[in-house]
C-alpha atoms as a PDB file:
ATOM      1  CA  MET A   1      73.753 178.105  44.627  1.00  0.00           C
ATOM      2  CA  PRO A   2      71.644 181.279  44.360  1.00  0.00           C
ATOM      3  CA  LEU A   3      68.839 181.414  41.832  1.00  0.00           C
ATOM      4  CA  PRO A   4      69.513 183.620  38.827  1.00  0.00           C
ATOM      5  CA  SER A   5      67.983 187.109  38.968  1.00  0.00           C
ATOM      6  CA  THR A   6      68.606 187.617  35.268  1.00  0.00           C
ATOM      7  CA  VAL A   7      68.924 185.174  32.410  1.00  0.00           C
ATOM      8  CA  THR A   8      71.741 185.315  29.891  1.00  0.00           C
ATOM      9  CA  THR A   9      70.481 185.639  26.319  1.00  0.00           C
ATOM     10  CA  ARG A  10      70.610 182.354  24.443  1.00  0.00           C
ATOM     11  CA  THR A  11      68.652 180.250  22.000  1.00  0.00           C
ATOM     12  CA  LEU A  12      67.402 176.801  22.835  1.00  0.00           C
ATOM     13  CA  ASP A  13      66.544 174.126  20.303  1.00  0.00           C
ATOM     14  CA  ALA A  14      63.051 172.697  20.679  1.00  0.00           C
ATOM     15  CA  VAL A  15      62.489 169.060  19.759  1.00  0.00           C
ATOM     16  CA  THR A  16      60.518 170.280  16.722  1.00  0.00           C
ATOM     17  CA  GLY A  17      63.610 172.052  15.354  1.00  0.00           C
ATOM     18  CA  VAL A  18      62.326 175.533  16.242  1.00  0.00           C
ATOM     19  CA  THR A  19      64.843 177.836  17.934  1.00  0.00           C
ATOM     20  CA  VAL A  20      63.535 179.478  21.078  1.00  0.00           C
ATOM     21  CA  PRO A  21      65.020 182.798  22.218  1.00  0.00           C
ATOM     22  CA  VAL A  22      65.401 183.052  25.991  1.00  0.00           C
ATOM     23  CA  PRO A  23      64.603 185.668  26.991  1.00  0.00           C
ATOM     24  CA  ASP A  24      62.055 186.325  24.263  1.00  0.00           C
ATOM     25  CA  PRO A  25      62.025 190.006  23.256  1.00  0.00           C
ATOM     26  CA  ASP A  26      58.273 189.857  22.542  1.00  0.00           C
ATOM     27  CA  HIS A  27      56.916 187.646  25.333  1.00  0.00           C
ATOM     28  CA  LEU A  28      57.291 186.625  28.913  1.00  0.00           C
ATOM     29  CA  ILE A  29      58.764 183.133  29.140  1.00  0.00           C
ATOM     30  CA  HIS A  30      57.469 180.545  31.559  1.00  0.00           C
ATOM     31  CA  LEU A  31      60.511 178.290  31.724  1.00  0.00           C
ATOM     32  CA  GLN A  32      59.417 175.026  33.308  1.00  0.00           C
ATOM     33  CA  PHE A  33      61.726 172.251  34.406  1.00  0.00           C
ATOM     34  CA  ARG A  34      60.042 168.871  34.509  1.00  0.00           C
ATOM     35  CA  ARG A  35      61.290 165.392  35.241  1.00  0.00           C
ATOM     36  CA  PHE A  36      61.593 162.750  32.524  1.00  0.00           C
ATOM     37  CA  ALA A  37      59.648 162.201  29.312  1.00  0.00           C
ATOM     38  CA  GLY A  38      56.714 159.956  30.135  1.00  0.00           C
ATOM     39  CA  CYS A  39      56.555 161.044  33.792  1.00  0.00           C
ATOM     40  CA  PRO A  40      52.878 160.633  34.755  1.00  0.00           C
ATOM     41  CA  VAL A  41      52.956 163.570  37.202  1.00  0.00           C
ATOM     42  CA  CYS A  42      54.570 165.857  34.617  1.00  0.00           C
ATOM     43  CA  ASN A  43      52.177 164.659  31.934  1.00  0.00           C
ATOM     44  CA  LEU A  44      49.113 165.435  34.046  1.00  0.00           C
ATOM     45  CA  HIS A  45      50.466 168.886  34.890  1.00  0.00           C
ATOM     46  CA  LEU A  46      51.382 169.670  31.275  1.00  0.00           C
ATOM     47  CA  ARG A  47      47.913 168.594  30.082  1.00  0.00           C
ATOM     48  CA  SER A  48      46.471 171.235  32.437  1.00  0.00           C
ATOM     49  CA  ILE A  49      48.800 173.786  30.835  1.00  0.00           C
ATOM     50  CA  ALA A  50      47.801 172.628  27.328  1.00  0.00           C
ATOM     51  CA  THR A  51      44.081 172.850  28.142  1.00  0.00           C
ATOM     52  CA  ARG A  52      44.470 176.511  29.153  1.00  0.00           C
ATOM     53  CA  HIS A  53      47.239 177.389  26.713  1.00  0.00           C
ATOM     54  CA  HIS A  54      45.033 180.006  25.011  1.00  0.00           C
ATOM     55  CA  GLU A  55      44.759 181.921  28.329  1.00  0.00           C
ATOM     56  CA  ILE A  56      48.505 181.734  28.829  1.00  0.00           C
ATOM     57  CA  LEU A  57      49.147 183.047  25.314  1.00  0.00           C
ATOM     58  CA  ALA A  58      46.604 185.841  25.855  1.00  0.00           C
ATOM     59  CA  ALA A  59      48.605 186.897  28.929  1.00  0.00           C
ATOM     60  CA  GLY A  60      51.686 187.259  26.695  1.00  0.00           C
ATOM     61  CA  ILE A  61      53.433 184.171  28.041  1.00  0.00           C
ATOM     62  CA  ARG A  62      55.372 181.658  25.964  1.00  0.00           C
ATOM     63  CA  GLU A  63      55.651 178.190  27.485  1.00  0.00           C
ATOM     64  CA  VAL A  64      59.082 176.553  27.297  1.00  0.00           C
ATOM     65  CA  VAL A  65      59.378 173.170  29.012  1.00  0.00           C
ATOM     66  CA  VAL A  66      62.715 171.500  29.758  1.00  0.00           C
ATOM     67  CA  PHE A  67      63.083 167.775  30.425  1.00  0.00           C
ATOM     68  CA  HIS A  68      66.197 165.819  31.399  1.00  0.00           C
ATOM     69  CA  SER A  69      65.366 163.379  28.588  1.00  0.00           C
ATOM     70  CA  SER A  70      66.565 163.055  25.024  1.00  0.00           C
ATOM     71  CA  ALA A  71      64.723 164.689  22.121  1.00  0.00           C
ATOM     72  CA  ALA A  72      63.700 161.232  20.851  1.00  0.00           C
ATOM     73  CA  GLU A  73      62.129 160.355  24.214  1.00  0.00           C
ATOM     74  CA  LEU A  74      60.331 163.705  24.331  1.00  0.00           C
ATOM     75  CA  ARG A  75      58.858 163.237  20.873  1.00  0.00           C
ATOM     76  CA  LYS A  76      57.730 159.728  21.837  1.00  0.00           C
ATOM     77  CA  TYR A  77      55.925 160.733  25.033  1.00  0.00           C
ATOM     78  CA  GLU A  78      55.167 164.443  24.883  1.00  0.00           C
ATOM     79  CA  GLY A  79      55.275 165.330  21.175  1.00  0.00           C
ATOM     80  CA  ASP A  80      51.634 166.406  20.947  1.00  0.00           C
ATOM     81  CA  LEU A  81      51.943 169.289  23.418  1.00  0.00           C
ATOM     82  CA  PRO A  82      51.328 172.759  21.903  1.00  0.00           C
ATOM     83  CA  PHE A  83      54.431 174.463  23.282  1.00  0.00           C
ATOM     84  CA  ASP A  84      58.202 174.299  23.045  1.00  0.00           C
ATOM     85  CA  LEU A  85      59.878 171.226  24.548  1.00  0.00           C
ATOM     86  CA  ILE A  86      63.617 171.313  25.234  1.00  0.00           C
ATOM     87  CA  ALA A  87      65.738 168.203  25.745  1.00  0.00           C
ATOM     88  CA  ASP A  88      68.512 168.650  28.323  1.00  0.00           C
ATOM     89  CA  PRO A  89      69.778 165.114  29.003  1.00  0.00           C
ATOM     90  CA  THR A  90      73.119 166.430  30.301  1.00  0.00           C
ATOM     91  CA  ARG A  91      71.261 168.776  32.717  1.00  0.00           C
ATOM     92  CA  ILE A  92      73.191 171.888  31.760  1.00  0.00           C
ATOM     93  CA  LEU A  93      70.131 174.114  32.217  1.00  0.00           C
ATOM     94  CA  TYR A  94      69.107 172.241  35.355  1.00  0.00           C
ATOM     95  CA  ARG A  95      72.434 173.068  37.001  1.00  0.00           C
ATOM     96  CA  GLU A  96      72.346 176.679  35.818  1.00  0.00           C
ATOM     97  CA  PHE A  97      68.885 177.210  37.314  1.00  0.00           C
ATOM     98  CA  GLY A  98      69.518 175.242  40.522  1.00  0.00           C
ATOM     99  CA  ILE A  99      67.099 172.391  39.758  1.00  0.00           C
ATOM    100  CA  GLU A 100      67.888 169.347  41.885  1.00  0.00           C
ATOM    101  CA  SER A 101      67.205 165.644  42.059  1.00  0.00           C
ATOM    102  CA  ALA A 102      66.418 164.103  45.419  1.00  0.00           C
ATOM    103  CA  PRO A 103      64.533 161.142  46.918  1.00  0.00           C
ATOM    104  CA  ARG A 104      62.023 163.607  48.387  1.00  0.00           C
ATOM    105  CA  ALA A 105      60.675 164.035  44.838  1.00  0.00           C
ATOM    106  CA  LEU A 106      58.709 160.806  45.393  1.00  0.00           C
ATOM    107  CA  LEU A 107      58.973 160.241  49.150  1.00  0.00           C
ATOM    108  CA  ASP A 108      57.414 163.515  50.310  1.00  0.00           C
ATOM    109  CA  PRO A 109      53.829 162.655  51.342  1.00  0.00           C
ATOM    110  CA  ARG A 110      52.603 165.896  49.727  1.00  0.00           C
ATOM    111  CA  ALA A 111      53.500 164.369  46.334  1.00  0.00           C
ATOM    112  CA  TRP A 112      51.441 161.207  46.843  1.00  0.00           C
ATOM    113  CA  PRO A 113      47.973 162.594  45.950  1.00  0.00           C
ATOM    114  CA  GLY A 114      49.404 164.017  42.690  1.00  0.00           C
ATOM    115  CA  ILE A 115      51.145 160.730  41.945  1.00  0.00           C
ATOM    116  CA  ALA A 116      47.889 158.821  42.527  1.00  0.00           C
ATOM    117  CA  ARG A 117      45.914 161.231  40.266  1.00  0.00           C
ATOM    118  CA  ALA A 118      48.612 160.986  37.594  1.00  0.00           C
ATOM    119  CA  VAL A 119      48.689 157.197  37.619  1.00  0.00           C
ATOM    120  CA  ALA A 120      44.872 157.017  37.536  1.00  0.00           C
ATOM    121  CA  SER A 121      44.813 159.459  34.617  1.00  0.00           C
ATOM    122  CA  THR A 122      47.639 157.812  32.681  1.00  0.00           C
ATOM    123  CA  LEU A 123      46.723 154.155  33.135  1.00  0.00           C
ATOM    124  CA  PRO A 124      43.682 154.130  30.791  1.00  0.00           C
ATOM    125  CA  THR A 125      45.703 155.705  27.936  1.00  0.00           C
ATOM    126  CA  ILE A 126      48.402 153.070  28.399  1.00  0.00           C
ATOM    127  CA  LEU A 127      45.875 150.218  28.497  1.00  0.00           C
ATOM    128  CA  ARG A 128      44.216 151.529  25.307  1.00  0.00           C
ATOM    129  CA  LYS A 129      47.716 151.797  23.816  1.00  0.00           C
ATOM    130  CA  ASP A 130      47.152 155.513  23.089  1.00  0.00           C
ATOM    131  CA  LYS A 131      50.436 156.274  24.853  1.00  0.00           C
ATOM    132  CA  PRO A 132      53.408 154.129  25.791  1.00  0.00           C
ATOM    133  CA  ALA A 133      53.982 153.230  29.425  1.00  0.00           C
ATOM    134  CA  PRO A 134      56.528 155.396  31.231  1.00  0.00           C
ATOM    135  CA  PRO A 135      60.074 154.105  30.786  1.00  0.00           C
ATOM    136  CA  ASN A 136      61.354 151.635  33.376  1.00  0.00           C
ATOM    137  CA  LYS A 137      64.691 153.458  33.532  1.00  0.00           C
ATOM    138  CA  PRO A 138      64.035 157.063  32.440  1.00  0.00           C
ATOM    139  CA  ASP A 139      66.813 159.318  31.167  1.00  0.00           C
ATOM    140  CA  GLY A 140      68.241 161.072  34.206  1.00  0.00           C
ATOM    141  CA  GLY A 141      66.316 158.939  36.705  1.00  0.00           C
ATOM    142  CA  ARG A 142      62.994 159.399  38.502  1.00  0.00           C
ATOM    143  CA  LEU A 143      64.054 161.736  41.303  1.00  0.00           C
ATOM    144  CA  GLY A 144      64.050 165.095  39.526  1.00  0.00           C
ATOM    145  CA  LEU A 145      62.348 168.050  41.153  1.00  0.00           C
ATOM    146  CA  PRO A 146      60.325 170.615  39.197  1.00  0.00           C
ATOM    147  CA  GLY A 147      61.144 174.280  38.773  1.00  0.00           C
ATOM    148  CA  ASP A 148      59.324 177.290  37.350  1.00  0.00           C
ATOM    149  CA  PHE A 149      60.710 180.647  36.215  1.00  0.00           C
ATOM    150  CA  LEU A 150      58.878 183.639  34.770  1.00  0.00           C
ATOM    151  CA  ILE A 151      61.333 185.599  32.639  1.00  0.00           C
ATOM    152  CA  ALA A 152      60.723 189.129  31.327  1.00  0.00           C
ATOM    153  CA  PRO A 153      61.701 190.157  27.782  1.00  0.00           C
ATOM    154  CA  ASP A 154      64.732 191.998  29.234  1.00  0.00           C
ATOM    155  CA  GLY A 155      65.957 188.825  30.970  1.00  0.00           C
ATOM    156  CA  ARG A 156      64.877 189.643  34.523  1.00  0.00           C
ATOM    157  CA  VAL A 157      63.501 186.706  36.492  1.00  0.00           C
ATOM    158  CA  LEU A 158      60.170 188.086  37.699  1.00  0.00           C
ATOM    159  CA  ALA A 159      59.279 185.048  39.815  1.00  0.00           C
ATOM    160  CA  SER A 160      60.588 181.566  40.463  1.00  0.00           C
ATOM    161  CA  LYS A 161      59.734 178.410  42.317  1.00  0.00           C
ATOM    162  CA  LEU A 162      61.888 175.393  43.049  1.00  0.00           C
ATOM    163  CA  GLY A 163      59.665 172.424  43.750  1.00  0.00           C
ATOM    164  CA  SER A 164      60.086 170.527  46.995  1.00  0.00           C
ATOM    165  CA  HIS A 165      58.539 167.324  45.584  1.00  0.00           C
ATOM    166  CA  ALA A 166      57.473 165.844  42.228  1.00  0.00           C
ATOM    167  CA  ASP A 167      54.063 167.567  42.172  1.00  0.00           C
ATOM    168  CA  ASP A 168      55.135 170.994  43.427  1.00  0.00           C
ATOM    169  CA  GLN A 169      54.854 173.425  40.520  1.00  0.00           C
ATOM    170  CA  TRP A 170      52.836 176.490  39.548  1.00  0.00           C
ATOM    171  CA  SER A 171      49.264 175.912  38.479  1.00  0.00           C
ATOM    172  CA  VAL A 172      47.929 177.871  35.509  1.00  0.00           C
ATOM    173  CA  ASP A 173      46.096 180.182  37.927  1.00  0.00           C
ATOM    174  CA  GLU A 174      49.303 180.885  39.862  1.00  0.00           C
ATOM    175  CA  LEU A 175      51.187 181.569  36.633  1.00  0.00           C
ATOM    176  CA  LEU A 176      48.520 183.970  35.377  1.00  0.00           C
ATOM    177  CA  ARG A 177      48.494 185.829  38.713  1.00  0.00           C
ATOM    178  CA  LEU A 178      52.267 186.319  38.441  1.00  0.00           C
ATOM    179  CA  ALA A 179      52.149 187.786  34.919  1.00  0.00           C
ATOM    180  CA  PRO A 180      52.140 191.577  34.733  1.00  0.00           C
ATOM    181  CA  ILE A 181      48.904 193.011  33.393  1.00  0.00           C
ATOM    182  CA  ARG A 182      49.152 193.592  29.652  1.00  0.00           C
ATOM    183  CA  GLU A 183      47.901 196.848  28.262  1.00  0.00           C
ATOM    184  CA  PRO A 184      45.644 196.365  25.233  1.00  0.00           C
ATOM    185  CA  HIS A 185      47.068 197.634  21.959  1.00  0.00           C
ATOM    186  CA  PRO A 186      45.037 200.504  20.440  1.00  0.00           C
END
């Protein structure tokens, strides 16, 4: 299935109740597809996005993150993130954007260092009971692959990446390099 070159206009419902226009007429959209709510690898990655969210906003980018988990699960595990979270437990968006699930998500040796960092980072918060442990049987399973799309206000997909393993997504630096340079307003 070919990746979309343009995105059909729609609104998505964030877990907070906010409606999110995609594309957004006023911003670039970084549409991220992550695995399940509570995924340690996803959590570590999204914390790096949250830490530099001010830079992303300054570049004119709105973060929209899709999980194949329910809204309730997202609120439980990821509810403190400062951007829009979209629940897609039936994987409608995943299919539309060509996001797959495969054993290589966890079996690819390139994912292992990220998995180790994520577990080491997540374990203390679980032991302190600051966060719940990841679910034993997550919505949609554990084998989801990540995906990233940068969408222009007119719906064109400016860049995309389909991850080849669980820890294969754009870093903040990569995202910022992909964003067109914004002209300052007079």
